[in-house]
Structures are given as structure tokens and as C-alpha cells.
PDB file of all heavy atoms in Angstrom:
ATOM      1  N   SER A   1    -118.123 -75.081-219.899  1.00  0.00           N
ATOM      2  CA  SER A   1    -117.573 -74.287-220.955  1.00  0.00           C
ATOM      3  C   SER A   1    -117.282 -75.174-222.140  1.00  0.00           C
ATOM      4  O   SER A   1    -116.933 -76.322-221.952  1.00  0.00           O
ATOM      5  CB  SER A   1    -116.301 -73.529-220.521  1.00  0.00           C
ATOM      6  OG  SER A   1    -115.348 -74.447-220.135  1.00  0.00           O
ATOM      7  N   SER A   2    -117.442 -74.636-223.370  1.00  0.00           N
ATOM      8  CA  SER A   2    -117.321 -75.469-224.561  1.00  0.00           C
ATOM      9  C   SER A   2    -116.831 -74.646-225.727  1.00  0.00           C
ATOM     10  O   SER A   2    -117.246 -73.485-225.834  1.00  0.00           O
ATOM     11  CB  SER A   2    -118.667 -76.157-224.873  1.00  0.00           C
ATOM     12  OG  SER A   2    -118.619 -76.627-226.180  1.00  0.00           O
ATOM     13  N   PRO A   3    -115.940 -75.208-226.543  1.00  0.00           N
ATOM     14  CA  PRO A   3    -115.606 -74.462-227.725  1.00  0.00           C
ATOM     15  C   PRO A   3    -116.820 -74.218-228.667  1.00  0.00           C
ATOM     16  O   PRO A   3    -116.714 -73.430-229.524  1.00  0.00           O
ATOM     17  CB  PRO A   3    -114.549 -75.403-228.393  1.00  0.00           C
ATOM     18  CG  PRO A   3    -114.777 -76.725-227.839  1.00  0.00           C
ATOM     19  CD  PRO A   3    -115.266 -76.499-226.450  1.00  0.00           C
ATOM     20  N   HIS A   4    -117.907 -75.013-228.462  1.00  0.00           N
ATOM     21  CA  HIS A   4    -119.016 -74.873-229.307  1.00  0.00           C
ATOM     22  C   HIS A   4    -120.009 -73.826-228.836  1.00  0.00           C
ATOM     23  O   HIS A   4    -120.936 -73.463-229.559  1.00  0.00           O
ATOM     24  CB  HIS A   4    -119.770 -76.224-229.401  1.00  0.00           C
ATOM     25  CG  HIS A   4    -119.065 -77.215-230.258  1.00  0.00           C
ATOM     26  ND1 HIS A   4    -118.479 -78.376-229.770  1.00  0.00           N
ATOM     27  CD2 HIS A   4    -118.797 -77.215-231.587  1.00  0.00           C
ATOM     28  CE1 HIS A   4    -117.940 -79.056-230.786  1.00  0.00           C
ATOM     29  NE2 HIS A   4    -118.123 -78.416-231.872  1.00  0.00           N
ATOM     30  N   GLY A   5    -119.963 -73.462-227.555  1.00  0.00           N
ATOM     31  CA  GLY A   5    -121.002 -72.571-227.105  1.00  0.00           C
ATOM     32  C   GLY A   5    -120.614 -71.820-225.827  1.00  0.00           C
ATOM     33  O   GLY A   5    -119.513 -71.982-225.315  1.00  0.00           O
ATOM     34  N   LYS A   6    -121.565 -71.003-225.300  1.00  0.00           N
ATOM     35  CA  LYS A   6    -121.281 -70.180-224.138  1.00  0.00           C
ATOM     36  C   LYS A   6    -121.270 -71.063-222.847  1.00  0.00           C
ATOM     37  O   LYS A   6    -121.712 -72.219-222.828  1.00  0.00           O
ATOM     38  CB  LYS A   6    -122.293 -69.127-223.978  1.00  0.00           C
ATOM     39  CG  LYS A   6    -123.690 -69.656-223.757  1.00  0.00           C
ATOM     40  CD  LYS A   6    -124.708 -68.520-223.743  1.00  0.00           C
ATOM     41  CE  LYS A   6    -126.125 -69.089-223.548  1.00  0.00           C
ATOM     42  NZ  LYS A   6    -127.146 -67.978-223.520  1.00  0.00           N
ATOM     43  N   SER A   7    -120.693 -70.500-221.770  1.00  0.00           N
ATOM     44  CA  SER A   7    -120.596 -71.185-220.507  1.00  0.00           C
ATOM     45  C   SER A   7    -122.033 -71.271-219.867  1.00  0.00           C
ATOM     46  O   SER A   7    -122.818 -70.323-220.006  1.00  0.00           O
ATOM     47  CB  SER A   7    -119.684 -70.546-219.547  1.00  0.00           C
ATOM     48  OG  SER A   7    -118.350 -70.579-220.089  1.00  0.00           O
ATOM     49  N   LEU A   8    -122.284 -72.345-219.151  1.00  0.00           N
ATOM     50  CA  LEU A   8    -123.552 -72.509-218.432  1.00  0.00           C
ATOM     51  C   LEU A   8    -123.224 -72.986-216.989  1.00  0.00           C
ATOM     52  O   LEU A   8    -122.170 -73.612-216.804  1.00  0.00           O
ATOM     53  CB  LEU A   8    -124.428 -73.528-219.130  1.00  0.00           C
ATOM     54  CG  LEU A   8    -124.962 -73.190-220.505  1.00  0.00           C
ATOM     55  CD1 LEU A   8    -125.713 -74.362-221.093  1.00  0.00           C
ATOM     56  CD2 LEU A   8    -125.890 -71.988-220.515  1.00  0.00           C
ATOM     57  N   ALA A   9    -124.068 -72.699-216.083  1.00  0.00           N
ATOM     58  CA  ALA A   9    -123.879 -73.206-214.755  1.00  0.00           C
ATOM     59  C   ALA A   9    -125.018 -74.158-214.362  1.00  0.00           C
ATOM     60  O   ALA A   9    -126.167 -74.031-214.827  1.00  0.00           O
ATOM     61  CB  ALA A   9    -123.866 -72.032-213.756  1.00  0.00           C
ATOM     62  N   TYR A  10    -124.739 -75.119-213.443  1.00  0.00           N
ATOM     63  CA  TYR A  10    -125.753 -75.983-213.003  1.00  0.00           C
ATOM     64  C   TYR A  10    -125.397 -76.399-211.558  1.00  0.00           C
ATOM     65  O   TYR A  10    -124.250 -76.439-211.109  1.00  0.00           O
ATOM     66  CB  TYR A  10    -125.886 -77.232-213.894  1.00  0.00           C
ATOM     67  CG  TYR A  10    -124.683 -78.160-213.903  1.00  0.00           C
ATOM     68  CD1 TYR A  10    -124.619 -79.296-213.104  1.00  0.00           C
ATOM     69  CD2 TYR A  10    -123.573 -77.942-214.719  1.00  0.00           C
ATOM     70  CE1 TYR A  10    -123.584 -80.178-213.151  1.00  0.00           C
ATOM     71  CE2 TYR A  10    -122.516 -78.754-214.797  1.00  0.00           C
ATOM     72  CZ  TYR A  10    -122.492 -79.877-214.003  1.00  0.00           C
ATOM     73  OH  TYR A  10    -121.422 -80.687-214.008  1.00  0.00           O
ATOM     74  N   ASP A  11    -126.468 -76.712-210.756  1.00  0.00           N
ATOM     75  CA  ASP A  11    -126.356 -77.090-209.364  1.00  0.00           C
ATOM     76  C   ASP A  11    -126.700 -78.536-209.094  1.00  0.00           C
ATOM     77  O   ASP A  11    -126.517 -78.972-207.991  1.00  0.00           O
ATOM     78  CB  ASP A  11    -127.270 -76.182-208.539  1.00  0.00           C
ATOM     79  CG  ASP A  11    -126.868 -74.721-208.598  1.00  0.00           C
ATOM     80  OD1 ASP A  11    -125.762 -74.390-208.109  1.00  0.00           O
ATOM     81  OD2 ASP A  11    -127.661 -73.915-209.118  1.00  0.00           O
ATOM     82  N   GLU A  12    -127.207 -79.252-210.122  1.00  0.00           N
ATOM     83  CA  GLU A  12    -127.737 -80.608-209.864  1.00  0.00           C
ATOM     84  C   GLU A  12    -127.393 -81.480-211.062  1.00  0.00           C
ATOM     85  O   GLU A  12    -127.377 -81.056-212.171  1.00  0.00           O
ATOM     86  CB  GLU A  12    -129.216 -80.560-209.582  1.00  0.00           C
ATOM     87  CG  GLU A  12    -129.871 -81.928-209.315  1.00  0.00           C
ATOM     88  CD  GLU A  12    -131.369 -81.871-209.219  1.00  0.00           C
ATOM     89  OE1 GLU A  12    -131.963 -80.776-209.289  1.00  0.00           O
ATOM     90  OE2 GLU A  12    -131.951 -82.990-209.077  1.00  0.00           O
ATOM     91  N   ILE A  13    -127.186 -82.755-210.790  1.00  0.00           N
ATOM     92  CA  ILE A  13    -127.036 -83.795-211.819  1.00  0.00           C
ATOM     93  C   ILE A  13    -128.197 -84.710-211.698  1.00  0.00           C
ATOM     94  O   ILE A  13    -128.519 -85.245-210.639  1.00  0.00           O
ATOM     95  CB  ILE A  13    -125.701 -84.523-211.655  1.00  0.00           C
ATOM     96  CG1 ILE A  13    -124.514 -83.619-211.863  1.00  0.00           C
ATOM     97  CG2 ILE A  13    -125.639 -85.733-212.609  1.00  0.00           C
ATOM     98  CD1 ILE A  13    -123.184 -84.256-211.531  1.00  0.00           C
ATOM     99  N   ILE A  14    -128.889 -84.927-212.812  1.00  0.00           N
ATOM    100  CA  ILE A  14    -129.993 -85.884-212.889  1.00  0.00           C
ATOM    101  C   ILE A  14    -129.393 -87.215-213.402  1.00  0.00           C
ATOM    102  O   ILE A  14    -128.721 -87.236-214.403  1.00  0.00           O
ATOM    103  CB  ILE A  14    -131.139 -85.401-213.830  1.00  0.00           C
ATOM    104  CG1 ILE A  14    -131.752 -84.113-213.238  1.00  0.00           C
ATOM    105  CG2 ILE A  14    -132.195 -86.501-213.952  1.00  0.00           C
ATOM    106  CD1 ILE A  14    -132.786 -83.522-214.163  1.00  0.00           C
ATOM    107  N   VAL A  15    -129.704 -88.281-212.692  1.00  0.00           N
ATOM    108  CA  VAL A  15    -129.288 -89.620-213.156  1.00  0.00           C
ATOM    109  C   VAL A  15    -130.495 -90.303-213.773  1.00  0.00           C
ATOM    110  O   VAL A  15    -131.524 -90.535-213.128  1.00  0.00           O
ATOM    111  CB  VAL A  15    -128.749 -90.458-212.002  1.00  0.00           C
ATOM    112  CG1 VAL A  15    -128.332 -91.858-212.534  1.00  0.00           C
ATOM    113  CG2 VAL A  15    -127.608 -89.787-211.373  1.00  0.00           C
ATOM    114  N   SER A  16    -130.427 -90.564-215.120  1.00  0.00           N
ATOM    115  CA  SER A  16    -131.532 -91.176-215.854  1.00  0.00           C
ATOM    116  C   SER A  16    -131.063 -92.474-216.441  1.00  0.00           C
ATOM    117  O   SER A  16    -130.131 -92.530-217.247  1.00  0.00           O
ATOM    118  CB  SER A  16    -131.965 -90.192-216.942  1.00  0.00           C
ATOM    119  OG  SER A  16    -133.086 -90.712-217.630  1.00  0.00           O
ATOM    120  N   ARG A  17    -131.646 -93.594-216.021  1.00  0.00           N
ATOM    121  CA  ARG A  17    -131.241 -94.924-216.518  1.00  0.00           C
ATOM    122  C   ARG A  17    -129.728 -95.138-216.402  1.00  0.00           C
ATOM    123  O   ARG A  17    -129.141 -95.729-217.299  1.00  0.00           O
ATOM    124  CB  ARG A  17    -131.767 -95.141-217.958  1.00  0.00           C
ATOM    125  CG  ARG A  17    -133.271 -95.186-218.056  1.00  0.00           C
ATOM    126  CD  ARG A  17    -133.738 -95.325-219.522  1.00  0.00           C
ATOM    127  NE  ARG A  17    -133.110 -96.473-220.178  1.00  0.00           N
ATOM    128  CZ  ARG A  17    -133.550 -97.701-220.138  1.00  0.00           C
ATOM    129  NH1 ARG A  17    -134.659 -97.983-219.465  1.00  0.00           N
ATOM    130  NH2 ARG A  17    -132.931 -98.651-220.812  1.00  0.00           N
ATOM    131  N   GLY A  18    -129.191 -94.647-215.300  1.00  0.00           N
ATOM    132  CA  GLY A  18    -127.760 -94.926-215.046  1.00  0.00           C
ATOM    133  C   GLY A  18    -126.806 -93.911-215.669  1.00  0.00           C
ATOM    134  O   GLY A  18    -125.633 -93.964-215.409  1.00  0.00           O
ATOM    135  N   LYS A  19    -127.308 -92.926-216.440  1.00  0.00           N
ATOM    136  CA  LYS A  19    -126.493 -91.897-217.038  1.00  0.00           C
ATOM    137  C   LYS A  19    -126.753 -90.542-216.419  1.00  0.00           C
ATOM    138  O   LYS A  19    -127.863 -90.236-216.047  1.00  0.00           O
ATOM    139  CB  LYS A  19    -126.741 -91.864-218.593  1.00  0.00           C
ATOM    140  CG  LYS A  19    -126.341 -93.174-219.311  1.00  0.00           C
ATOM    141  CD  LYS A  19    -124.863 -93.477-219.200  1.00  0.00           C
ATOM    142  CE  LYS A  19    -124.526 -94.751-219.942  1.00  0.00           C
ATOM    143  NZ  LYS A  19    -123.079 -95.173-219.746  1.00  0.00           N
ATOM    144  N   LYS A  20    -125.629 -89.770-216.291  1.00  0.00           N
ATOM    145  CA  LYS A  20    -125.735 -88.498-215.658  1.00  0.00           C
ATOM    146  C   LYS A  20    -125.963 -87.378-216.656  1.00  0.00           C
ATOM    147  O   LYS A  20    -125.298 -87.361-217.747  1.00  0.00           O
ATOM    148  CB  LYS A  20    -124.448 -88.197-214.893  1.00  0.00           C
ATOM    149  CG  LYS A  20    -124.115 -89.260-213.829  1.00  0.00           C
ATOM    150  CD  LYS A  20    -122.774 -89.022-213.197  1.00  0.00           C
ATOM    151  CE  LYS A  20    -122.400 -90.060-212.156  1.00  0.00           C
ATOM    152  NZ  LYS A  20    -121.049 -89.815-211.558  1.00  0.00           N
ATOM    153  N   VAL A  21    -126.843 -86.419-216.305  1.00  0.00           N
ATOM    154  CA  VAL A  21    -127.106 -85.272-217.143  1.00  0.00           C
ATOM    155  C   VAL A  21    -127.144 -84.022-216.291  1.00  0.00           C
ATOM    156  O   VAL A  21    -127.780 -84.000-215.246  1.00  0.00           O
ATOM    157  CB  VAL A  21    -128.466 -85.391-217.886  1.00  0.00           C
ATOM    158  CG1 VAL A  21    -128.776 -84.165-218.721  1.00  0.00           C
ATOM    159  CG2 VAL A  21    -128.494 -86.663-218.727  1.00  0.00           C
ATOM    160  N   PRO A  22    -126.396 -82.963-216.631  1.00  0.00           N
ATOM    161  CA  PRO A  22    -126.399 -81.741-215.824  1.00  0.00           C
ATOM    162  C   PRO A  22    -127.767 -81.090-215.957  1.00  0.00           C
ATOM    163  O   PRO A  22    -128.305 -80.898-217.087  1.00  0.00           O
ATOM    164  CB  PRO A  22    -125.307 -80.867-216.438  1.00  0.00           C
ATOM    165  CG  PRO A  22    -125.173 -81.378-217.861  1.00  0.00           C
ATOM    166  CD  PRO A  22    -125.466 -82.863-217.742  1.00  0.00           C
ATOM    167  N   PHE A  23    -128.359 -80.725-214.848  1.00  0.00           N
ATOM    168  CA  PHE A  23    -129.696 -80.134-214.859  1.00  0.00           C
ATOM    169  C   PHE A  23    -129.572 -78.618-215.017  1.00  0.00           C
ATOM    170  O   PHE A  23    -129.215 -77.899-214.127  1.00  0.00           O
ATOM    171  CB  PHE A  23    -130.440 -80.476-213.569  1.00  0.00           C
ATOM    172  CG  PHE A  23    -131.823 -79.797-213.505  1.00  0.00           C
ATOM    173  CD1 PHE A  23    -132.643 -79.839-214.605  1.00  0.00           C
ATOM    174  CD2 PHE A  23    -132.273 -79.211-212.352  1.00  0.00           C
ATOM    175  CE1 PHE A  23    -133.905 -79.234-214.559  1.00  0.00           C
ATOM    176  CE2 PHE A  23    -133.537 -78.625-212.269  1.00  0.00           C
ATOM    177  CZ  PHE A  23    -134.352 -78.616-213.398  1.00  0.00           C
ATOM    178  N   VAL A  24    -129.847 -78.187-216.279  1.00  0.00           N
ATOM    179  CA  VAL A  24    -129.830 -76.747-216.553  1.00  0.00           C
ATOM    180  C   VAL A  24    -131.247 -76.324-216.896  1.00  0.00           C
ATOM    181  O   VAL A  24    -131.774 -76.604-217.991  1.00  0.00           O
ATOM    182  CB  VAL A  24    -128.937 -76.466-217.769  1.00  0.00           C
ATOM    183  CG1 VAL A  24    -128.926 -74.921-218.088  1.00  0.00           C
ATOM    184  CG2 VAL A  24    -127.522 -76.976-217.571  1.00  0.00           C
ATOM    185  N   PRO A  25    -132.008 -75.719-215.925  1.00  0.00           N
ATOM    186  CA  PRO A  25    -133.415 -75.465-216.054  1.00  0.00           C
ATOM    187  C   PRO A  25    -133.803 -74.647-217.342  1.00  0.00           C
ATOM    188  O   PRO A  25    -134.882 -74.806-217.872  1.00  0.00           O
ATOM    189  CB  PRO A  25    -133.802 -74.734-214.793  1.00  0.00           C
ATOM    190  CG  PRO A  25    -132.767 -75.159-213.793  1.00  0.00           C
ATOM    191  CD  PRO A  25    -131.525 -75.283-214.553  1.00  0.00           C
ATOM    192  N   THR A  26    -132.923 -73.797-217.779  1.00  0.00           N
ATOM    193  CA  THR A  26    -133.251 -73.003-218.975  1.00  0.00           C
ATOM    194  C   THR A  26    -133.275 -73.873-220.206  1.00  0.00           C
ATOM    195  O   THR A  26    -133.863 -73.462-221.231  1.00  0.00           O
ATOM    196  CB  THR A  26    -132.244 -71.881-219.145  1.00  0.00           C
ATOM    197  OG1 THR A  26    -130.922 -72.396-219.207  1.00  0.00           O
ATOM    198  CG2 THR A  26    -132.324 -70.885-218.017  1.00  0.00           C
TER     199      THR A  26
END
């Protein structure tokens, strides 16, 4: 959830070069 936008859901975190990114397929 964010004051900038709508809520999103995710089930996986992708680790790319040591940094985490929530995997939101849409």
C-alpha cells in the first residue's frame, strides 16, 4: 500500500544483484 497508488499483492521476491524486488506479474 502506498500514498502514491493503489494496493498490490505479491507472492514472491526476486533478488537481483543482491537487491530485493517484489514480483508483481502485472
